[in-house]
Amino acid sequence: MAEYTQKHLRPVIFTPRGVEVILEMADVLLEGGSLKDHPILSLGFTCVSPLRWSDSALEVFRVSSGYGIPLMINSEVIFRSNCPCNTGRLPCTCQRRGIERGGDCPTLEPGRPVVFNLGFSHTFDMKVAETLTGAPEGGC
């Protein structure tokens, strides 16, 4: 990605080890410069409904904190399945499940930019037990 663009990088990260690899890559690209001074990338994760973070997501947030890396906090609700229409739009960003750092919220750090993103809303078709993306019910 970095070789062919001057744009911001948004890698998909699923594990804390993935964060470590991205941090190593950023160090090479910035030639030892600071990510806080030159935020060339951002990370994101999707909350698990109803309004919970998986242990992997919390660990990704913890490992990536301290670098000023912007976060996109996603909530991909599934109507008729895991939440009503109005729930799930803003995931719980400060859920504490054993990864507290001095009482701080594990997903954030002072000054860390955060974007809350609804993501894709889905509708659960109970007749066939499938999740539909792009269904008109998702636009409520």
Protein backbone atom coordinates (compact mmCIF):
# COMPACT_ATOMS: atom_id res chain seq x y z
CA MET A 1 0.00 0.00 0.00
CA ALA A 2 2.66 2.47 1.03
CA GLU A 3 4.71 2.09 -2.14
CA TYR A 4 1.95 3.21 -4.49
CA THR A 5 0.20 6.00 -2.59
CA GLN A 6 0.74 9.19 -0.66
CA LYS A 7 -2.66 8.76 1.00
CA HIS A 8 -3.47 7.75 4.52
CA LEU A 9 -3.17 3.98 5.15
CA ARG A 10 -6.02 2.01 6.72
CA PRO A 11 -4.88 -1.61 7.15
CA VAL A 12 -7.33 -4.19 8.46
CA ILE A 13 -6.05 -5.50 11.79
CA PHE A 14 -7.53 -8.46 13.64
CA THR A 15 -4.82 -9.35 16.17
CA PRO A 16 -2.46 -7.57 18.56
CA ARG A 17 0.43 -9.10 16.58
CA GLY A 18 -0.98 -7.36 13.49
CA VAL A 19 -0.70 -4.05 15.34
CA GLU A 20 2.92 -4.79 16.20
CA VAL A 21 3.71 -5.51 12.52
CA ILE A 22 2.01 -2.28 11.43
CA LEU A 23 3.96 -0.32 14.05
CA GLU A 24 7.20 -1.80 12.69
CA MET A 25 6.13 -0.86 9.15
CA ALA A 26 5.30 2.70 10.24
CA ASP A 27 8.70 3.02 11.90
CA VAL A 28 10.39 2.08 8.60
CA LEU A 29 8.17 4.41 6.53
CA LEU A 30 8.70 7.32 8.91
CA GLU A 31 12.42 6.55 9.20
CA GLY A 32 12.17 6.56 12.99
CA GLY A 33 9.81 9.55 13.11
CA SER A 34 6.83 9.72 15.43
CA LEU A 35 3.37 8.48 14.47
CA LYS A 36 1.94 11.20 16.74
CA ASP A 37 3.65 13.84 14.59
CA HIS A 38 2.92 12.09 11.28
CA PRO A 39 -0.24 9.94 11.55
CA ILE A 40 0.16 8.00 8.29
CA LEU A 41 -2.28 5.27 9.31
CA SER A 42 -5.38 4.57 11.35
CA LEU A 43 -6.91 1.44 12.85
CA GLY A 44 -10.45 0.34 13.49
CA PHE A 45 -12.53 -2.41 14.96
CA THR A 46 -16.20 -3.38 14.99
CA CYS A 47 -18.04 -3.91 18.25
CA VAL A 48 -19.90 -7.13 18.85
CA SER A 49 -23.57 -6.54 19.46
CA PRO A 50 -25.11 -5.87 21.83
CA LEU A 51 -22.59 -3.12 22.55
CA ARG A 52 -19.64 -5.26 23.60
CA TRP A 53 -16.01 -5.47 22.59
CA SER A 54 -14.33 -8.79 21.95
CA ASP A 55 -11.17 -9.56 23.91
CA SER A 56 -9.20 -9.30 20.63
CA ALA A 57 -10.55 -5.81 19.94
CA LEU A 58 -9.68 -4.61 23.44
CA GLU A 59 -6.18 -6.02 23.11
CA VAL A 60 -5.73 -4.33 19.68
CA PHE A 61 -6.78 -1.02 21.28
CA ARG A 62 -4.40 -1.56 24.21
CA VAL A 63 -1.40 -2.50 22.05
CA SER A 64 -1.98 0.43 19.71
CA SER A 65 -2.42 3.02 22.46
CA GLY A 66 0.35 5.48 23.21
CA TYR A 67 1.12 6.21 19.56
CA GLY A 68 -1.69 8.67 18.76
CA ILE A 69 -3.02 6.35 16.05
CA PRO A 70 -6.53 7.45 15.05
CA LEU A 71 -9.26 4.87 15.63
CA MET A 72 -12.45 4.18 13.73
CA ILE A 73 -14.96 2.60 16.07
CA ASN A 74 -17.49 0.62 14.03
CA SER A 75 -20.89 -0.72 14.95
CA GLU A 76 -22.47 -3.09 12.45
CA VAL A 77 -25.92 -3.74 13.76
CA ILE A 78 -28.12 -6.61 12.58
CA PHE A 79 -31.75 -5.54 12.91
CA ARG A 80 -34.18 -8.24 14.08
CA SER A 81 -31.27 -10.25 15.44
CA ASN A 82 -28.92 -8.54 17.88
CA CYS A 83 -30.41 -5.09 18.42
CA PRO A 84 -33.39 -2.83 17.82
CA CYS A 85 -33.14 -0.06 15.26
CA ASN A 86 -31.83 2.61 17.66
CA THR A 87 -29.34 0.45 19.55
CA GLY A 88 -25.83 -0.35 18.49
CA ARG A 89 -25.17 2.88 16.65
CA LEU A 90 -22.61 4.06 19.19
CA PRO A 91 -20.66 1.15 20.60
CA CYS A 92 -19.52 1.16 24.18
CA THR A 93 -16.06 2.69 23.90
CA CYS A 94 -15.11 2.35 27.55
CA GLN A 95 -16.16 -1.18 28.35
CA ARG A 96 -13.77 -2.50 30.97
CA ARG A 97 -13.08 -6.22 30.88
CA GLY A 98 -9.79 -6.67 32.67
CA ILE A 99 -7.72 -4.45 30.38
CA GLU A 100 -7.90 -1.26 32.42
CA ARG A 101 -4.79 0.89 32.43
CA GLY A 102 -4.85 2.96 35.58
CA GLY A 103 -8.60 3.45 35.26
CA ASP A 104 -8.34 4.80 31.72
CA CYS A 105 -10.64 3.72 28.96
CA PRO A 106 -8.81 0.90 27.09
CA THR A 107 -9.87 2.09 23.62
CA LEU A 108 -8.72 5.67 24.01
CA GLU A 109 -5.76 7.70 25.12
CA PRO A 110 -5.57 11.44 25.80
CA GLY A 111 -5.71 13.25 22.46
CA ARG A 112 -6.28 10.14 20.36
CA PRO A 113 -8.62 10.92 17.45
CA VAL A 114 -11.69 8.68 17.28
CA VAL A 115 -14.33 8.41 14.55
CA PHE A 116 -17.62 6.69 15.40
CA ASN A 117 -18.91 4.85 12.35
CA LEU A 118 -22.26 3.11 11.99
CA GLY A 119 -20.65 0.85 9.42
CA PHE A 120 -23.06 -1.26 7.45
CA SER A 121 -26.45 -1.93 8.89
CA HIS A 122 -27.85 -5.36 8.15
CA THR A 123 -31.25 -6.98 8.44
CA PHE A 124 -31.72 -10.54 9.60
CA ASP A 125 -34.17 -12.51 7.47
CA MET A 126 -35.76 -14.89 9.96
CA LYS A 127 -37.34 -17.04 7.25
CA VAL A 128 -34.03 -18.19 5.83
CA ALA A 129 -31.71 -17.29 8.77
CA GLU A 130 -29.49 -15.04 6.66
CA THR A 131 -28.13 -11.56 7.18
CA LEU A 132 -29.02 -9.17 4.37
CA THR A 133 -26.85 -6.19 3.50
CA GLY A 134 -28.47 -3.27 1.70
CA ALA A 135 -32.03 -4.15 2.67
CA PRO A 136 -34.37 -1.11 2.95
CA GLU A 137 -35.03 -1.83 6.64
CA GLY A 138 -31.42 -0.94 7.41
CA GLY A 139 -32.04 2.71 6.63
CA CYS A 140 -34.16 3.46 9.72
